[in-house]
C-alpha atoms as a PDB file:
ATOM      1  CA  MET A   1     -14.748   1.477 -21.754  1.00  0.00           C
ATOM      2  CA  VAL A   2     -17.769   3.107 -20.082  1.00  0.00           C
ATOM      3  CA  PHE A   3     -15.872   6.398 -19.858  1.00  0.00           C
ATOM      4  CA  HIS A   4     -14.911   6.151 -23.543  1.00  0.00           C
ATOM      5  CA  LEU A   5     -18.562   5.668 -24.477  1.00  0.00           C
ATOM      6  CA  ALA A   6     -19.330   8.834 -22.528  1.00  0.00           C
ATOM      7  CA  GLY A   7     -16.637  10.664 -24.508  1.00  0.00           C
ATOM      8  CA  SER A   8     -14.089  10.884 -21.689  1.00  0.00           C
ATOM      9  CA  ASP A   9     -10.446   9.799 -21.828  1.00  0.00           C
ATOM     10  CA  PHE A  10     -10.031  10.145 -18.038  1.00  0.00           C
ATOM     11  CA  PHE A  11      -8.897   6.539 -17.482  1.00  0.00           C
ATOM     12  CA  ASP A  12      -6.618   6.276 -20.538  1.00  0.00           C
ATOM     13  CA  LYS A  13      -3.464   6.615 -18.431  1.00  0.00           C
ATOM     14  CA  PHE A  14      -5.013   5.627 -15.130  1.00  0.00           C
ATOM     15  CA  PRO A  15      -3.343   2.628 -13.378  1.00  0.00           C
ATOM     16  CA  LEU A  16      -5.405  -0.554 -13.094  1.00  0.00           C
ATOM     17  CA  PHE A  17      -3.898  -1.385  -9.709  1.00  0.00           C
ATOM     18  CA  PRO A  18      -6.564   0.437  -7.611  1.00  0.00           C
ATOM     19  CA  PHE A  19      -9.265  -1.781  -9.132  1.00  0.00           C
ATOM     20  CA  THR A  20      -7.623  -5.097  -8.177  1.00  0.00           C
ATOM     21  CA  PHE A  21      -8.532  -5.110  -4.488  1.00  0.00           C
ATOM     22  CA  PRO A  22     -12.205  -4.138  -4.913  1.00  0.00           C
ATOM     23  CA  ALA A  23     -12.456  -6.737  -7.701  1.00  0.00           C
ATOM     24  CA  ALA A  24     -10.992  -9.427  -5.437  1.00  0.00           C
ATOM     25  CA  VAL A  25     -13.465  -8.578  -2.682  1.00  0.00           C
ATOM     26  CA  LEU A  26     -16.325  -8.639  -5.199  1.00  0.00           C
ATOM     27  CA  VAL A  27     -15.270 -12.093  -6.451  1.00  0.00           C
ATOM     28  CA  GLN A  28     -15.149 -13.395  -2.886  1.00  0.00           C
ATOM     29  CA  LEU A  29     -18.569 -11.954  -2.031  1.00  0.00           C
ATOM     30  CA  CYS A  30     -20.087 -13.441  -5.187  1.00  0.00           C
ATOM     31  CA  ALA A  31     -18.471 -16.811  -4.437  1.00  0.00           C
ATOM     32  CA  ARG A  32     -20.063 -16.870  -0.984  1.00  0.00           C
ATOM     33  CA  ARG A  33     -23.408 -15.555  -2.177  1.00  0.00           C
ATOM     34  CA  TYR A  34     -23.819 -17.951  -5.111  1.00  0.00           C
ATOM     35  CA  GLY A  35     -22.131 -20.979  -3.584  1.00  0.00           C
ATOM     36  CA  PHE A  36     -19.103 -21.526  -5.795  1.00  0.00           C
ATOM     37  CA  GLU A  37     -16.538 -20.913  -3.044  1.00  0.00           C
ATOM     38  CA  GLY A  38     -15.306 -24.493  -3.386  1.00  0.00           C
ATOM     39  CA  ALA A  39     -14.292 -23.837  -7.003  1.00  0.00           C
ATOM     40  CA  ILE A  40     -11.677 -21.314  -5.844  1.00  0.00           C
ATOM     41  CA  ASN A  41      -8.410 -23.057  -5.058  1.00  0.00           C
ATOM     42  CA  ARG A  42      -6.822 -21.002  -2.264  1.00  0.00           C
ATOM     43  CA  ARG A  43      -3.449 -22.705  -2.660  1.00  0.00           C
ATOM     44  CA  ALA A  44      -3.375 -21.922  -6.380  1.00  0.00           C
ATOM     45  CA  VAL A  45      -4.409 -18.306  -5.760  1.00  0.00           C
ATOM     46  CA  GLU A  46      -1.676 -17.888  -3.137  1.00  0.00           C
ATOM     47  CA  GLY A  47       0.860 -19.411  -5.548  1.00  0.00           C
ATOM     48  CA  ILE A  48      -0.163 -17.055  -8.340  1.00  0.00           C
ATOM     49  CA  GLY A  49      -0.024 -14.166  -5.865  1.00  0.00           C
ATOM     50  CA  GLY A  50       3.509 -15.118  -4.841  1.00  0.00           C
ATOM     51  CA  ILE A  51       4.641 -15.266  -8.460  1.00  0.00           C
ATOM     52  CA  ALA A  52       2.970 -11.904  -9.119  1.00  0.00           C
ATOM     53  CA  ILE A  53       4.757 -10.303  -6.144  1.00  0.00           C
ATOM     54  CA  ASP A  54       8.104 -11.660  -7.370  1.00  0.00           C
ATOM     55  CA  GLY A  55       7.327 -10.270 -10.824  1.00  0.00           C
ATOM     56  CA  VAL A  56       6.527  -6.831  -9.414  1.00  0.00           C
ATOM     57  CA  ILE A  57       9.797  -6.770  -7.443  1.00  0.00           C
ATOM     58  CA  ILE A  58      11.868  -7.795 -10.481  1.00  0.00           C
ATOM     59  CA  SER A  59      10.075  -5.274 -12.730  1.00  0.00           C
ATOM     60  CA  ALA A  60      10.436  -2.434 -10.232  1.00  0.00           C
ATOM     61  CA  VAL A  61      14.168  -2.994  -9.773  1.00  0.00           C
ATOM     62  CA  GLY A  62      14.721  -3.572 -13.493  1.00  0.00           C
ATOM     63  CA  THR A  63      13.048  -0.330 -14.578  1.00  0.00           C
ATOM     64  CA  LEU A  64      14.968   2.027 -12.276  1.00  0.00           C
ATOM     65  CA  SER A  65      16.491   4.940 -14.199  1.00  0.00           C
ATOM     66  CA  LEU A  66      20.117   5.265 -13.118  1.00  0.00           C
ATOM     67  CA  GLY A  67      20.502   8.442 -15.178  1.00  0.00           C
ATOM     68  CA  ALA A  68      17.760  10.250 -13.268  1.00  0.00           C
ATOM     69  CA  ILE A  69      19.205   9.064  -9.953  1.00  0.00           C
ATOM     70  CA  GLY A  70      22.670  10.344 -10.901  1.00  0.00           C
ATOM     71  CA  ALA A  71      21.340  13.757 -11.950  1.00  0.00           C
ATOM     72  CA  TYR A  72      19.757  14.395  -8.533  1.00  0.00           C
ATOM     73  CA  ILE A  73      22.060  12.362  -6.298  1.00  0.00           C
ATOM     74  CA  GLY A  74      22.602  15.118  -3.665  1.00  0.00           C
ATOM     75  CA  PRO A  75      18.953  15.800  -2.776  1.00  0.00           C
ATOM     76  CA  LEU A  76      18.175  12.090  -3.070  1.00  0.00           C
ATOM     77  CA  ILE A  77      20.840  11.198  -0.492  1.00  0.00           C
ATOM     78  CA  ILE A  78      19.512  13.812   1.957  1.00  0.00           C
ATOM     79  CA  LEU A  79      15.914  12.666   1.512  1.00  0.00           C
ATOM     80  CA  ALA A  80      16.908   9.003   1.703  1.00  0.00           C
ATOM     81  CA  ILE A  81      18.816   9.452   4.972  1.00  0.00           C
ATOM     82  CA  ALA A  82      15.945  11.436   6.521  1.00  0.00           C
ATOM     83  CA  ALA A  83      13.302   8.954   5.343  1.00  0.00           C
ATOM     84  CA  ILE A  84      15.230   5.872   6.443  1.00  0.00           C
ATOM     85  CA  GLY A  85      16.030   7.445   9.827  1.00  0.00           C
ATOM     86  CA  TRP A  86      12.363   8.278  10.381  1.00  0.00           C
ATOM     87  CA  SER A  87      11.268   4.807   9.323  1.00  0.00           C
ATOM     88  CA  VAL A  88      13.808   3.128  11.631  1.00  0.00           C
ATOM     89  CA  PHE A  89      12.569   5.282  14.512  1.00  0.00           C
ATOM     90  CA  LEU A  90       8.984   4.216  13.770  1.00  0.00           C
ATOM     91  CA  VAL A  91       9.972   0.532  13.715  1.00  0.00           C
ATOM     92  CA  LEU A  92      12.086   0.493  16.873  1.00  0.00           C
ATOM     93  CA  VAL A  93      10.174   3.003  19.000  1.00  0.00           C
ATOM     94  CA  MET A  94       6.604   3.347  17.759  1.00  0.00           C
ATOM     95  CA  GLY A  95       6.224  -0.253  16.554  1.00  0.00           C
ATOM     96  CA  ARG A  96       6.433  -1.585  20.117  1.00  0.00           C
ATOM     97  CA  ARG A  97       3.612   0.737  21.173  1.00  0.00           C
ATOM     98  CA  ILE A  98       1.333   0.282  18.167  1.00  0.00           C
ATOM     99  CA  PHE A  99       1.494  -3.504  17.731  1.00  0.00           C
ATOM    100  CA  PRO A 100       0.841  -5.448  20.947  1.00  0.00           C
ATOM    101  CA  GLN A 101       1.776  -8.808  19.400  1.00  0.00           C
ATOM    102  CA  GLN A 102       4.579  -9.692  16.969  1.00  0.00           C
ATOM    103  CA  TRP A 103       5.551  -6.030  16.984  1.00  0.00           C
ATOM    104  CA  PHE A 104       8.768  -6.512  14.996  1.00  0.00           C
ATOM    105  CA  GLU A 105       7.190  -8.560  12.208  1.00  0.00           C
ATOM    106  CA  HIS A 106       4.350  -6.035  11.823  1.00  0.00           C
ATOM    107  CA  SER A 107       6.751  -3.097  12.017  1.00  0.00           C
ATOM    108  CA  ILE A 108       9.190  -4.512   9.474  1.00  0.00           C
ATOM    109  CA  ALA A 109       6.341  -4.931   6.989  1.00  0.00           C
ATOM    110  CA  GLU A 110       5.391  -1.279   7.455  1.00  0.00           C
ATOM    111  CA  PHE A 111       9.066  -0.323   7.157  1.00  0.00           C
ATOM    112  CA  GLY A 112       9.259  -2.021   3.768  1.00  0.00           C
ATOM    113  CA  ASP A 113       6.050  -0.309   2.692  1.00  0.00           C
ATOM    114  CA  SER A 114       7.390   3.082   3.813  1.00  0.00           C
ATOM    115  CA  GLN A 115      10.478   2.618   1.633  1.00  0.00           C
ATOM    116  CA  GLY A 116       8.360   2.947  -1.465  1.00  0.00           C
ATOM    117  CA  MET A 117       6.694  -0.342  -2.341  1.00  0.00           C
ATOM    118  CA  LEU A 118       4.223  -2.655  -0.709  1.00  0.00           C
ATOM    119  CA  THR A 119       6.209  -5.567  -2.151  1.00  0.00           C
ATOM    120  CA  CYS A 120       9.200  -4.560  -0.014  1.00  0.00           C
ATOM    121  CA  GLY A 121       6.970  -5.133   3.005  1.00  0.00           C
ATOM    122  CA  PHE A 122       6.106  -8.635   1.812  1.00  0.00           C
ATOM    123  CA  LEU A 123       9.766  -9.334   1.053  1.00  0.00           C
ATOM    124  CA  LEU A 124      10.920  -8.301   4.540  1.00  0.00           C
ATOM    125  CA  VAL A 125       8.132 -10.300   6.204  1.00  0.00           C
ATOM    126  CA  ASP A 126       9.229 -13.353   4.219  1.00  0.00           C
ATOM    127  CA  MET A 127      12.747 -12.808   5.553  1.00  0.00           C
ATOM    128  CA  VAL A 128      11.763 -12.547   9.240  1.00  0.00           C
ATOM    129  CA  ASP A 129       8.884 -15.045   9.116  1.00  0.00           C
ATOM    130  CA  PRO A 130       9.601 -17.447   6.232  1.00  0.00           C
ATOM    131  CA  SER A 131       7.423 -20.246   7.614  1.00  0.00           C
ATOM    132  CA  ARG A 132       4.455 -17.900   8.163  1.00  0.00           C
ATOM    133  CA  GLU A 133       4.172 -18.675  11.889  1.00  0.00           C
ATOM    134  CA  THR A 134       2.537 -15.291  12.521  1.00  0.00           C
ATOM    135  CA  ASP A 135      -0.542 -13.672  10.978  1.00  0.00           C
ATOM    136  CA  VAL A 136       1.468 -10.677   9.716  1.00  0.00           C
ATOM    137  CA  VAL A 137       1.199 -11.486   6.006  1.00  0.00           C
ATOM    138  CA  ARG A 138      -2.566 -11.931   6.258  1.00  0.00           C
ATOM    139  CA  SER A 139      -3.183  -8.750   8.274  1.00  0.00           C
ATOM    140  CA  TYR A 140      -0.758  -6.757   6.092  1.00  0.00           C
ATOM    141  CA  SER A 141      -2.564  -8.035   2.994  1.00  0.00           C
ATOM    142  CA  TYR A 142      -6.008  -7.166   4.353  1.00  0.00           C
ATOM    143  CA  ARG A 143      -4.863  -3.625   5.138  1.00  0.00           C
ATOM    144  CA  GLN A 144      -3.945  -3.166   1.496  1.00  0.00           C
ATOM    145  CA  MET A 145      -7.600  -3.664   0.498  1.00  0.00           C
ATOM    146  CA  ILE A 146      -8.400  -0.376   2.238  1.00  0.00           C
ATOM    147  CA  THR A 147      -5.268   1.682   1.640  1.00  0.00           C
ATOM    148  CA  ARG A 148      -4.065   0.611  -1.815  1.00  0.00           C
ATOM    149  CA  PRO A 149      -7.110   1.663  -3.833  1.00  0.00           C
ATOM    150  CA  LEU A 150      -6.418   5.147  -2.442  1.00  0.00           C
ATOM    151  CA  LEU A 151      -2.654   5.411  -1.868  1.00  0.00           C
ATOM    152  CA  GLY A 152       0.555   3.833  -3.123  1.00  0.00           C
ATOM    153  CA  GLY A 153      -0.417   3.651  -6.769  1.00  0.00           C
ATOM    154  CA  GLY A 154      -4.128   4.102  -6.117  1.00  0.00           C
ATOM    155  CA  PHE A 155      -6.641   6.803  -6.925  1.00  0.00           C
ATOM    156  CA  MET A 156      -5.056   9.565  -4.842  1.00  0.00           C
ATOM    157  CA  THR A 157      -1.583   8.822  -6.199  1.00  0.00           C
ATOM    158  CA  ALA A 158      -2.868   8.934  -9.773  1.00  0.00           C
ATOM    159  CA  LEU A 159      -4.960  12.052  -9.175  1.00  0.00           C
ATOM    160  CA  ALA A 160      -2.413  13.992  -7.083  1.00  0.00           C
ATOM    161  CA  VAL A 161      -0.663  15.772  -9.954  1.00  0.00           C
ATOM    162  CA  PRO A 162      -3.879  16.711 -11.842  1.00  0.00           C
ATOM    163  CA  LEU A 163      -5.419  17.946  -8.569  1.00  0.00           C
ATOM    164  CA  ILE A 164      -2.347  20.026  -7.701  1.00  0.00           C
ATOM    165  CA  ASP A 165      -2.449  21.470 -11.205  1.00  0.00           C
ATOM    166  CA  SER A 166      -6.135  22.367 -10.937  1.00  0.00           C
ATOM    167  CA  VAL A 167      -6.468  23.606  -7.316  1.00  0.00           C
ATOM    168  CA  GLY A 168      -2.873  24.627  -6.579  1.00  0.00           C
ATOM    169  CA  LEU A 169      -0.264  23.203  -4.206  1.00  0.00           C
ATOM    170  CA  PRO A 170      -1.283  25.224  -1.081  1.00  0.00           C
ATOM    171  CA  ALA A 171      -4.938  24.133  -1.256  1.00  0.00           C
ATOM    172  CA  PHE A 172      -3.954  20.518  -1.963  1.00  0.00           C
ATOM    173  CA  THR A 173      -1.470  20.522   0.947  1.00  0.00           C
ATOM    174  CA  ILE A 174      -4.063  21.946   3.365  1.00  0.00           C
ATOM    175  CA  ALA A 175      -6.692  19.421   2.252  1.00  0.00           C
ATOM    176  CA  THR A 176      -4.361  16.428   2.560  1.00  0.00           C
ATOM    177  CA  ALA A 177      -3.065  17.649   5.941  1.00  0.00           C
ATOM    178  CA  ALA A 178      -6.652  17.948   7.192  1.00  0.00           C
ATOM    179  CA  VAL A 179      -7.482  14.418   6.016  1.00  0.00           C
ATOM    180  CA  THR A 180      -4.275  13.083   7.598  1.00  0.00           C
ATOM    181  CA  GLY A 181      -5.068  14.808  10.895  1.00  0.00           C
ATOM    182  CA  ALA A 182      -8.606  13.412  10.863  1.00  0.00           C
ATOM    183  CA  LEU A 183      -7.334   9.874  10.234  1.00  0.00           C
ATOM    184  CA  ILE A 184      -4.723  10.160  13.009  1.00  0.00           C
ATOM    185  CA  THR A 185      -7.386  11.396  15.442  1.00  0.00           C
ATOM    186  CA  TRP A 186      -9.725   8.567  14.438  1.00  0.00           C
ATOM    187  CA  GLY A 187      -6.923   6.029  14.866  1.00  0.00           C
ATOM    188  CA  ILE A 188      -5.987   7.310  18.340  1.00  0.00           C
ATOM    189  CA  ARG A 189      -9.621   7.252  19.474  1.00  0.00           C
ATOM    190  CA  ARG A 190     -10.149   3.785  18.036  1.00  0.00           C
ATOM    191  CA  ALA A 191      -7.005   2.518  19.769  1.00  0.00           C
ATOM    192  CA  GLY A 192      -8.416   3.758  23.056  1.00  0.00           C
ATOM    193  CA  HIS A 193     -11.718   1.961  22.361  1.00  0.00           C
ATOM    194  CA  PRO A 194     -10.940  -1.341  20.575  1.00  0.00           C
ATOM    195  CA  SER A 195     -14.619  -2.274  20.372  1.00  0.00           C
ATOM    196  CA  ARG A 196     -15.340   0.652  18.079  1.00  0.00           C
ATOM    197  CA  VAL A 197     -15.440   0.109  14.338  1.00  0.00           C
END
């Protein structure tokens, strides 16, 4: 609405998903600051969240275009085999090194996420840890507050095509590769010094 008042239609087709996590954090901060934390029923929120996740899964599967898949079946099979092979390697080899505790549960969540949807991660975690004996669901959920506003349906996902159109694919590729390299370097350094933030 603010952008419309300024005469811009920038957010007309922009997904609302990136705003959900910052809004949730803002509600929690306000609840703590103004003392109405007790009015928030955690069990009810978790129940609504579970129903919402189920709804997203059903909607995602129900809106798949079989015609588009059939038209590009060859390249899709090649990409699918390569992507699944890489993801399996990350789970079975890298997962043991990255996650010191409950490595499989953490890795399987990331595997589901890497297959295209964050809800797949939740679904797989529910399969391997249905009674929630580990903290995987909580840690996986908290990670989404940082990554999802940017990736996986977030700002960068929504802005990728307009940015490629405006600056060109080579410049966009170089910029994203530089950011990826910086994040990998930061992650490796942080892993070597757990006390760092």
